[in-house]
Protein backbone atom coordinates (compact mmCIF):
# COMPACT_ATOMS: atom_id res chain seq x y z
CA UNK A 1 51.05 -69.96 -77.33
CA UNK A 2 48.30 -68.00 -79.10
CA UNK A 3 45.73 -68.50 -76.30
CA UNK A 4 48.22 -67.05 -73.81
CA UNK A 5 48.40 -63.83 -75.82
CA UNK A 6 44.61 -63.56 -75.60
CA UNK A 7 44.63 -64.12 -71.83
CA UNK A 8 47.26 -61.44 -71.22
CA UNK A 9 45.50 -59.02 -73.58
CA UNK A 10 42.22 -59.54 -71.74
CA UNK A 11 43.92 -58.89 -68.39
CA UNK A 12 45.42 -55.66 -69.70
CA UNK A 13 42.08 -54.54 -71.14
CA UNK A 14 40.35 -55.24 -67.82
CA UNK A 15 42.92 -53.15 -65.95
CA UNK A 16 42.33 -50.26 -68.37
CA UNK A 17 38.55 -50.55 -67.89
CA UNK A 18 38.95 -50.54 -64.09
CA UNK A 19 41.02 -47.36 -64.27
CA UNK A 20 38.70 -45.57 -66.69
CA UNK A 21 35.49 -46.59 -64.90
CA UNK A 22 36.88 -46.09 -61.38
CA UNK A 23 35.68 -49.61 -60.63
CA UNK A 24 37.31 -52.19 -58.41
CA UNK A 25 40.91 -52.18 -57.25
CA UNK A 26 43.36 -51.59 -60.13
CA UNK A 27 46.79 -53.22 -60.07
CA UNK A 28 48.64 -49.90 -60.08
CA UNK A 29 51.72 -49.95 -57.89
CA UNK A 30 52.11 -53.70 -58.42
CA UNK A 31 53.52 -56.15 -60.91
CA UNK A 32 51.11 -58.99 -61.68
CA UNK A 33 52.83 -62.14 -62.93
CA UNK A 34 50.98 -65.01 -64.57
CA UNK A 35 52.44 -68.52 -64.80
CA UNK A 36 50.62 -70.13 -67.71
CA UNK A 37 52.04 -73.58 -66.96
CA UNK A 38 50.41 -73.72 -63.51
CA UNK A 39 47.62 -71.15 -64.09
CA UNK A 40 48.74 -69.16 -61.05
CA UNK A 41 49.02 -65.43 -60.46
CA UNK A 42 51.56 -63.65 -58.27
CA UNK A 43 51.68 -59.99 -57.27
CA UNK A 44 54.64 -57.90 -56.15
CA UNK A 45 54.44 -54.37 -54.78
CA UNK A 46 56.58 -51.73 -56.46
CA UNK A 47 58.54 -49.22 -54.40
CA UNK A 48 58.40 -45.56 -55.41
CA UNK A 49 61.65 -43.85 -56.25
CA UNK A 50 61.61 -40.44 -54.49
CA UNK A 51 63.91 -39.00 -57.18
CA UNK A 52 61.71 -40.12 -60.09
CA UNK A 53 59.80 -37.35 -61.88
CA UNK A 54 56.94 -39.71 -62.74
CA UNK A 55 56.38 -41.86 -59.65
CA UNK A 56 58.18 -39.82 -56.96
CA UNK A 57 56.40 -36.89 -55.35
């Protein structure tokens, strides 16, 4: 289980670097799921809630 924590931490750090450096396509607006048993990634788009103060308008 410990290696999985390192993998997820590295993915989160890479997303932060992409946002700070304005490099590549960040995963904002999506949920990225990682299945460690099959080593597969899946992405799902998130819908904005128009009434939300953070993600709405």
